[in-house]
Amino acid sequence: MTNAKLFVIDYTLHGEAKSFIIRLEKLDTLEAWHWASCDAGVGRIGRFAREQVKKTSPAQAEKYGIQNVQWRRSDARAQA
């Protein structure tokens, strides 16, 4: 992960605001929904780096009360 960057993912769980930071090489909206569901205890994280797991979709996450998933780079350069 030499190209890893820090991202902030914000979401709501049953109306309560949640936020966390994750280090990934890249992030998109679908991936953010999956990681938000993992943070909420719904999604599954693989036990090994190369293990392929089924990603949690936005529709699945919403069934468990996850909403308003947004993400951004954590460094100031990406926000400028």
PDB file of N, CA and C in Angstrom:
ATOM      1  N   MET A   1       0.819  -1.191   0.000  1.00  0.00           N
ATOM      2  CA  MET A   1       0.000   0.000   0.000  1.00  0.00           C
ATOM      3  C   MET A   1       0.862   1.253   0.000  1.00  0.00           C
ATOM      4  N   THR A   2       1.788   1.334  -0.906  1.00  0.00           N
ATOM      5  CA  THR A   2       2.659   2.492  -0.948  1.00  0.00           C
ATOM      6  C   THR A   2       1.940   3.739  -1.425  1.00  0.00           C
ATOM      7  N   ASN A   3       0.843   3.585  -2.143  1.00  0.00           N
ATOM      8  CA  ASN A   3       0.068   4.722  -2.628  1.00  0.00           C
ATOM      9  C   ASN A   3      -1.159   4.983  -1.768  1.00  0.00           C
ATOM     10  N   ALA A   4      -1.197   4.447  -0.566  1.00  0.00           N
ATOM     11  CA  ALA A   4      -2.373   4.581   0.296  1.00  0.00           C
ATOM     12  C   ALA A   4      -2.564   6.025   0.730  1.00  0.00           C
ATOM     13  N   LYS A   5      -3.820   6.394   0.846  1.00  0.00           N
ATOM     14  CA  LYS A   5      -4.208   7.732   1.284  1.00  0.00           C
ATOM     15  C   LYS A   5      -5.204   7.580   2.426  1.00  0.00           C
ATOM     16  N   LEU A   6      -5.354   8.633   3.209  1.00  0.00           N
ATOM     17  CA  LEU A   6      -6.337   8.628   4.284  1.00  0.00           C
ATOM     18  C   LEU A   6      -7.627   9.265   3.788  1.00  0.00           C
ATOM     19  N   PHE A   7      -8.735   8.606   4.076  1.00  0.00           N
ATOM     20  CA  PHE A   7     -10.057   9.100   3.721  1.00  0.00           C
ATOM     21  C   PHE A   7     -10.922   9.170   4.966  1.00  0.00           C
ATOM     22  N   VAL A   8     -11.818  10.144   5.005  1.00  0.00           N
ATOM     23  CA  VAL A   8     -12.801  10.254   6.079  1.00  0.00           C
ATOM     24  C   VAL A   8     -14.143   9.827   5.501  1.00  0.00           C
ATOM     25  N   ILE A   9     -14.816   8.914   6.175  1.00  0.00           N
ATOM     26  CA  ILE A   9     -16.147   8.483   5.753  1.00  0.00           C
ATOM     27  C   ILE A   9     -17.131   8.900   6.844  1.00  0.00           C
ATOM     28  N   ASP A  10     -18.139   9.675   6.452  1.00  0.00           N
ATOM     29  CA  ASP A  10     -19.202  10.124   7.347  1.00  0.00           C
ATOM     30  C   ASP A  10     -20.489   9.436   6.928  1.00  0.00           C
ATOM     31  N   TYR A  11     -21.298   9.037   7.905  1.00  0.00           N
ATOM     32  CA  TYR A  11     -22.593   8.422   7.614  1.00  0.00           C
ATOM     33  C   TYR A  11     -23.486   8.548   8.835  1.00  0.00           C
ATOM     34  N   THR A  12     -24.747   8.205   8.681  1.00  0.00           N
ATOM     35  CA  THR A  12     -25.653   8.163   9.821  1.00  0.00           C
ATOM     36  C   THR A  12     -26.129   6.723  10.006  1.00  0.00           C
ATOM     37  N   LEU A  13     -26.245   6.323  11.266  1.00  0.00           N
ATOM     38  CA  LEU A  13     -26.731   5.000  11.629  1.00  0.00           C
ATOM     39  C   LEU A  13     -27.921   5.201  12.548  1.00  0.00           C
ATOM     40  N   HIS A  14     -29.117   4.881  12.054  1.00  0.00           N
ATOM     41  CA  HIS A  14     -30.361   5.103  12.791  1.00  0.00           C
ATOM     42  C   HIS A  14     -30.451   6.550  13.273  1.00  0.00           C
ATOM     43  N   GLY A  15     -30.045   7.495  12.407  1.00  0.00           N
ATOM     44  CA  GLY A  15     -30.136   8.914  12.706  1.00  0.00           C
ATOM     45  C   GLY A  15     -28.976   9.492  13.497  1.00  0.00           C
ATOM     46  N   GLU A  16     -28.041   8.669  13.961  1.00  0.00           N
ATOM     47  CA  GLU A  16     -26.894   9.142  14.731  1.00  0.00           C
ATOM     48  C   GLU A  16     -25.684   9.294  13.815  1.00  0.00           C
ATOM     49  N   ALA A  17     -25.056  10.474  13.869  1.00  0.00           N
ATOM     50  CA  ALA A  17     -23.898  10.746  13.013  1.00  0.00           C
ATOM     51  C   ALA A  17     -22.699   9.904  13.443  1.00  0.00           C
ATOM     52  N   LYS A  18     -22.024   9.321  12.455  1.00  0.00           N
ATOM     53  CA  LYS A  18     -20.826   8.507  12.681  1.00  0.00           C
ATOM     54  C   LYS A  18     -19.757   8.969  11.696  1.00  0.00           C
ATOM     55  N   SER A  19     -18.503   8.769  12.068  1.00  0.00           N
ATOM     56  CA  SER A  19     -17.399   9.153  11.209  1.00  0.00           C
ATOM     57  C   SER A  19     -16.182   8.311  11.562  1.00  0.00           C
ATOM     58  N   PHE A  20     -15.371   7.984  10.563  1.00  0.00           N
ATOM     59  CA  PHE A  20     -14.123   7.264  10.807  1.00  0.00           C
ATOM     60  C   PHE A  20     -13.143   7.547   9.681  1.00  0.00           C
ATOM     61  N   ILE A  21     -11.890   7.225   9.941  1.00  0.00           N
ATOM     62  CA  ILE A  21     -10.821   7.422   8.966  1.00  0.00           C
ATOM     63  C   ILE A  21     -10.312   6.050   8.535  1.00  0.00           C
ATOM     64  N   ILE A  22     -10.064   5.912   7.238  1.00  0.00           N
ATOM     65  CA  ILE A  22      -9.574   4.642   6.701  1.00  0.00           C
ATOM     66  C   ILE A  22      -8.434   4.920   5.727  1.00  0.00           C
ATOM     67  N   ARG A  23      -7.469   4.019   5.683  1.00  0.00           N
ATOM     68  CA  ARG A  23      -6.339   4.142   4.759  1.00  0.00           C
ATOM     69  C   ARG A  23      -6.548   3.157   3.610  1.00  0.00           C
ATOM     70  N   LEU A  24      -6.674   3.694   2.402  1.00  0.00           N
ATOM     71  CA  LEU A  24      -6.868   2.885   1.200  1.00  0.00           C
ATOM     72  C   LEU A  24      -6.110   3.520   0.041  1.00  0.00           C
ATOM     73  N   GLU A  25      -5.854   2.735  -0.978  1.00  0.00           N
ATOM     74  CA  GLU A  25      -5.221   3.281  -2.179  1.00  0.00           C
ATOM     75  C   GLU A  25      -6.199   4.131  -2.968  1.00  0.00           C
ATOM     76  N   LYS A  26      -7.461   3.710  -3.021  1.00  0.00           N
ATOM     77  CA  LYS A  26      -8.485   4.490  -3.719  1.00  0.00           C
ATOM     78  C   LYS A  26      -9.827   4.226  -3.052  1.00  0.00           C
ATOM     79  N   LEU A  27     -10.746   5.145  -3.235  1.00  0.00           N
ATOM     80  CA  LEU A  27     -12.073   5.025  -2.649  1.00  0.00           C
ATOM     81  C   LEU A  27     -13.080   5.629  -3.608  1.00  0.00           C
ATOM     82  N   ASP A  28     -14.226   4.970  -3.738  1.00  0.00           N
ATOM     83  CA  ASP A  28     -15.333   5.522  -4.507  1.00  0.00           C
ATOM     84  C   ASP A  28     -16.594   5.393  -3.654  1.00  0.00           C
ATOM     85  N   THR A  29     -17.704   5.831  -4.179  1.00  0.00           N
ATOM     86  CA  THR A  29     -18.937   5.857  -3.395  1.00  0.00           C
ATOM     87  C   THR A  29     -19.395   4.467  -2.976  1.00  0.00           C
ATOM     88  N   LEU A  30     -19.355   3.496  -3.871  1.00  0.00           N
ATOM     89  CA  LEU A  30     -19.781   2.141  -3.508  1.00  0.00           C
ATOM     90  C   LEU A  30     -18.881   1.531  -2.446  1.00  0.00           C
ATOM     91  N   GLU A  31     -17.584   1.775  -2.570  1.00  0.00           N
ATOM     92  CA  GLU A  31     -16.632   1.278  -1.582  1.00  0.00           C
ATOM     93  C   GLU A  31     -16.866   1.957  -0.225  1.00  0.00           C
ATOM     94  N   ALA A  32     -17.197   3.241  -0.252  1.00  0.00           N
ATOM     95  CA  ALA A  32     -17.485   3.971   0.991  1.00  0.00           C
ATOM     96  C   ALA A  32     -18.712   3.391   1.699  1.00  0.00           C
ATOM     97  N   TRP A  33     -19.728   3.030   0.934  1.00  0.00           N
ATOM     98  CA  TRP A  33     -20.912   2.404   1.531  1.00  0.00           C
ATOM     99  C   TRP A  33     -20.537   1.082   2.194  1.00  0.00           C
ATOM    100  N   HIS A  34     -19.701   0.302   1.535  1.00  0.00           N
ATOM    101  CA  HIS A  34     -19.276  -0.973   2.105  1.00  0.00           C
ATOM    102  C   HIS A  34     -18.525  -0.756   3.419  1.00  0.00           C
ATOM    103  N   TRP A  35     -17.560   0.168   3.435  1.00  0.00           N
ATOM    104  CA  TRP A  35     -16.776   0.396   4.648  1.00  0.00           C
ATOM    105  C   TRP A  35     -17.611   1.011   5.760  1.00  0.00           C
ATOM    106  N   ALA A  36     -18.597   1.830   5.403  1.00  0.00           N
ATOM    107  CA  ALA A  36     -19.508   2.359   6.427  1.00  0.00           C
ATOM    108  C   ALA A  36     -20.297   1.220   7.062  1.00  0.00           C
ATOM    109  N   SER A  37     -20.719   0.253   6.249  1.00  0.00           N
ATOM    110  CA  SER A  37     -21.461  -0.888   6.797  1.00  0.00           C
ATOM    111  C   SER A  37     -20.562  -1.751   7.680  1.00  0.00           C
ATOM    112  N   CYS A  38     -19.279  -1.845   7.333  1.00  0.00           N
ATOM    113  CA  CYS A  38     -18.334  -2.578   8.181  1.00  0.00           C
ATOM    114  C   CYS A  38     -18.165  -1.863   9.518  1.00  0.00           C
ATOM    115  N   ASP A  39     -18.037  -0.537   9.481  1.00  0.00           N
ATOM    116  CA  ASP A  39     -17.895   0.233  10.710  1.00  0.00           C
ATOM    117  C   ASP A  39     -19.132   0.097  11.598  1.00  0.00           C
ATOM    118  N   ALA A  40     -20.303  -0.039  10.970  1.00  0.00           N
ATOM    119  CA  ALA A  40     -21.551  -0.183  11.709  1.00  0.00           C
ATOM    120  C   ALA A  40     -21.780  -1.608  12.214  1.00  0.00           C
ATOM    121  N   GLY A  41     -20.921  -2.539  11.802  1.00  0.00           N
ATOM    122  CA  GLY A  41     -21.062  -3.919  12.254  1.00  0.00           C
ATOM    123  C   GLY A  41     -21.918  -4.787  11.364  1.00  0.00           C
ATOM    124  N   VAL A  42     -22.229  -4.295  10.181  1.00  0.00           N
ATOM    125  CA  VAL A  42     -23.099  -5.036   9.257  1.00  0.00           C
ATOM    126  C   VAL A  42     -22.288  -5.742   8.184  1.00  0.00           C
ATOM    127  N   GLY A  43     -21.328  -5.048   7.599  1.00  0.00           N
ATOM    128  CA  GLY A  43     -20.527  -5.597   6.511  1.00  0.00           C
ATOM    129  C   GLY A  43     -19.435  -6.523   7.018  1.00  0.00           C
ATOM    130  N   ARG A  44     -18.856  -7.251   6.094  1.00  0.00           N
ATOM    131  CA  ARG A  44     -17.828  -8.227   6.435  1.00  0.00           C
ATOM    132  C   ARG A  44     -16.478  -7.771   5.908  1.00  0.00           C
ATOM    133  N   ILE A  45     -15.460  -7.889   6.749  1.00  0.00           N
ATOM    134  CA  ILE A  45     -14.085  -7.588   6.372  1.00  0.00           C
ATOM    135  C   ILE A  45     -13.358  -8.921   6.230  1.00  0.00           C
ATOM    136  N   GLY A  46     -12.641  -9.107   5.147  1.00  0.00           N
ATOM    137  CA  GLY A  46     -11.908 -10.355   4.926  1.00  0.00           C
ATOM    138  C   GLY A  46     -10.837 -10.584   5.977  1.00  0.00           C
ATOM    139  N   ARG A  47     -10.580 -11.828   6.304  1.00  0.00           N
ATOM    140  CA  ARG A  47      -9.580 -12.164   7.314  1.00  0.00           C
ATOM    141  C   ARG A  47      -8.167 -12.028   6.783  1.00  0.00           C
ATOM    142  N   PHE A  48      -8.001 -12.176   5.498  1.00  0.00           N
ATOM    143  CA  PHE A  48      -6.693 -12.095   4.885  1.00  0.00           C
ATOM    144  C   PHE A  48      -6.727 -11.021   3.815  1.00  0.00           C
ATOM    145  N   ALA A  49      -5.599 -10.419   3.535  1.00  0.00           N
ATOM    146  CA  ALA A  49      -5.548  -9.306   2.580  1.00  0.00           C
ATOM    147  C   ALA A  49      -6.059  -9.703   1.196  1.00  0.00           C
ATOM    148  N   ARG A  50      -5.818 -10.935   0.800  1.00  0.00           N
ATOM    149  CA  ARG A  50      -6.218 -11.363  -0.544  1.00  0.00           C
ATOM    150  C   ARG A  50      -7.591 -12.041  -0.580  1.00  0.00           C
ATOM    151  N   GLU A  51      -8.247 -12.175   0.548  1.00  0.00           N
ATOM    152  CA  GLU A  51      -9.557 -12.819   0.583  1.00  0.00           C
ATOM    153  C   GLU A  51     -10.597 -11.907  -0.069  1.00  0.00           C
ATOM    154  N   GLN A  52     -11.332 -12.452  -1.000  1.00  0.00           N
ATOM    155  CA  GLN A  52     -12.377 -11.712  -1.683  1.00  0.00           C
ATOM    156  C   GLN A  52     -13.688 -11.864  -0.897  1.00  0.00           C
ATOM    157  N   VAL A  53     -14.250 -10.742  -0.478  1.00  0.00           N
ATOM    158  CA  VAL A  53     -15.524 -10.775   0.236  1.00  0.00           C
ATOM    159  C   VAL A  53     -16.562 -10.027  -0.585  1.00  0.00           C
ATOM    160  N   LYS A  54     -17.804 -10.403  -0.411  1.00  0.00           N
ATOM    161  CA  LYS A  54     -18.887  -9.726  -1.110  1.00  0.00           C
ATOM    162  C   LYS A  54     -19.107  -8.364  -0.453  1.00  0.00           C
ATOM    163  N   LYS A  55     -19.067  -7.313  -1.260  1.00  0.00           N
ATOM    164  CA  LYS A  55     -19.240  -5.954  -0.756  1.00  0.00           C
ATOM    165  C   LYS A  55     -20.710  -5.706  -0.405  1.00  0.00           C
ATOM    166  N   THR A  56     -20.921  -4.922   0.633  1.00  0.00           N
ATOM    167  CA  THR A  56     -22.271  -4.540   1.032  1.00  0.00           C
ATOM    168  C   THR A  56     -22.737  -3.408   0.119  1.00  0.00           C
ATOM    169  N   SER A  57     -23.884  -3.564  -0.503  1.00  0.00           N
ATOM    170  CA  SER A  57     -24.406  -2.549  -1.415  1.00  0.00           C
ATOM    171  C   SER A  57     -25.134  -1.459  -0.613  1.00  0.00           C
ATOM    172  N   PRO A  58     -25.338  -0.287  -1.233  1.00  0.00           N
ATOM    173  CA  PRO A  58     -26.102   0.754  -0.548  1.00  0.00           C
ATOM    174  C   PRO A  58     -27.505   0.286  -0.152  1.00  0.00           C
ATOM    175  N   ALA A  59     -28.162  -0.479  -1.006  1.00  0.00           N
ATOM    176  CA  ALA A  59     -29.507  -0.970  -0.687  1.00  0.00           C
ATOM    177  C   ALA A  59     -29.493  -1.885   0.536  1.00  0.00           C
ATOM    178  N   GLN A  60     -28.489  -2.769   0.615  1.00  0.00           N
ATOM    179  CA  GLN A  60     -28.374  -3.652   1.782  1.00  0.00           C
ATOM    180  C   GLN A  60     -28.082  -2.841   3.033  1.00  0.00           C
ATOM    181  N   ALA A  61     -27.185  -1.874   2.932  1.00  0.00           N
ATOM    182  CA  ALA A  61     -26.808  -1.050   4.082  1.00  0.00           C
ATOM    183  C   ALA A  61     -27.999  -0.246   4.603  1.00  0.00           C
ATOM    184  N   GLU A  62     -28.806   0.285   3.691  1.00  0.00           N
ATOM    185  CA  GLU A  62     -29.968   1.066   4.106  1.00  0.00           C
ATOM    186  C   GLU A  62     -30.975   0.225   4.888  1.00  0.00           C
ATOM    187  N   LYS A  63     -31.050  -1.065   4.605  1.00  0.00           N
ATOM    188  CA  LYS A  63     -31.952  -1.949   5.355  1.00  0.00           C
ATOM    189  C   LYS A  63     -31.570  -2.018   6.830  1.00  0.00           C
ATOM    190  N   TYR A  64     -30.285  -1.763   7.132  1.00  0.00           N
ATOM    191  CA  TYR A  64     -29.793  -1.806   8.504  1.00  0.00           C
ATOM    192  C   TYR A  64     -29.676  -0.417   9.133  1.00  0.00           C
ATOM    193  N   GLY A  65     -30.265   0.594   8.496  1.00  0.00           N
ATOM    194  CA  GLY A  65     -30.302   1.933   9.069  1.00  0.00           C
ATOM    195  C   GLY A  65     -29.138   2.833   8.729  1.00  0.00           C
ATOM    196  N   ILE A  66     -28.319   2.443   7.747  1.00  0.00           N
ATOM    197  CA  ILE A  66     -27.185   3.266   7.329  1.00  0.00           C
ATOM    198  C   ILE A  66     -27.650   4.197   6.210  1.00  0.00           C
ATOM    199  N   GLN A  67     -27.347   5.490   6.363  1.00  0.00           N
ATOM    200  CA  GLN A  67     -27.772   6.476   5.368  1.00  0.00           C
ATOM    201  C   GLN A  67     -26.715   7.561   5.229  1.00  0.00           C
ATOM    202  N   ASN A  68     -26.895   8.393   4.216  1.00  0.00           N
ATOM    203  CA  ASN A  68     -26.093   9.610   4.016  1.00  0.00           C
ATOM    204  C   ASN A  68     -24.586   9.348   4.043  1.00  0.00           C
ATOM    205  N   VAL A  69     -24.128   8.344   3.349  1.00  0.00           N
ATOM    206  CA  VAL A  69     -22.690   8.043   3.319  1.00  0.00           C
ATOM    207  C   VAL A  69     -21.991   9.040   2.403  1.00  0.00           C
ATOM    208  N   GLN A  70     -21.000   9.721   2.969  1.00  0.00           N
ATOM    209  CA  GLN A  70     -20.190  10.675   2.212  1.00  0.00           C
ATOM    210  C   GLN A  70     -18.731  10.424   2.558  1.00  0.00           C
ATOM    211  N   TRP A  71     -17.846  10.751   1.647  1.00  0.00           N
ATOM    212  CA  TRP A  71     -16.424  10.542   1.901  1.00  0.00           C
ATOM    213  C   TRP A  71     -15.613  11.667   1.300  1.00  0.00           C
ATOM    214  N   ARG A  72     -14.390  11.824   1.829  1.00  0.00           N
ATOM    215  CA  ARG A  72     -13.480  12.849   1.341  1.00  0.00           C
ATOM    216  C   ARG A  72     -12.056  12.474   1.724  1.00  0.00           C
ATOM    217  N   ARG A  73     -11.081  13.040   1.027  1.00  0.00           N
ATOM    218  CA  ARG A  73      -9.681  12.878   1.405  1.00  0.00           C
ATOM    219  C   ARG A  73      -9.455  13.628   2.701  1.00  0.00           C
ATOM    220  N   SER A  74      -8.590  13.122   3.542  1.00  0.00           N
ATOM    221  CA  SER A  74      -8.371  13.756   4.833  1.00  0.00           C
ATOM    222  C   SER A  74      -7.343  14.881   4.785  1.00  0.00           C
ATOM    223  N   ASP A  75      -6.518  14.939   3.747  1.00  0.00           N
ATOM    224  CA  ASP A  75      -5.498  15.974   3.689  1.00  0.00           C
ATOM    225  C   ASP A  75      -6.050  17.297   3.152  1.00  0.00           C
ATOM    226  N   ALA A  76      -5.412  18.356   3.522  1.00  0.00           N
ATOM    227  CA  ALA A  76      -5.874  19.699   3.154  1.00  0.00           C
ATOM    228  C   ALA A  76      -5.766  19.943   1.650  1.00  0.00           C
ATOM    229  N   ARG A  77      -4.793  19.321   0.985  1.00  0.00           N
ATOM    230  CA  ARG A  77      -4.617  19.541  -0.458  1.00  0.00           C
ATOM    231  C   ARG A  77      -5.828  19.088  -1.247  1.00  0.00           C
ATOM    232  N   ALA A  78      -6.465  18.011  -0.830  1.00  0.00           N
ATOM    233  CA  ALA A  78      -7.614  17.499  -1.575  1.00  0.00           C
ATOM    234  C   ALA A  78      -8.845  18.371  -1.359  1.00  0.00           C
ATOM    235  N   GLN A  79      -8.896  19.109  -0.250  1.00  0.00           N
ATOM    236  CA  GLN A  79     -10.059  19.928   0.049  1.00  0.00           C
ATOM    237  C   GLN A  79      -9.965  21.305  -0.587  1.00  0.00           C
ATOM    238  N   ALA A  80      -8.767  21.730  -0.975  1.00  0.00           N
ATOM    239  CA  ALA A  80      -8.587  23.077  -1.525  1.00  0.00           C
ATOM    240  C   ALA A  80      -9.113  23.173  -2.939  1.00  0.00           C
TER     241      ALA A  80
END
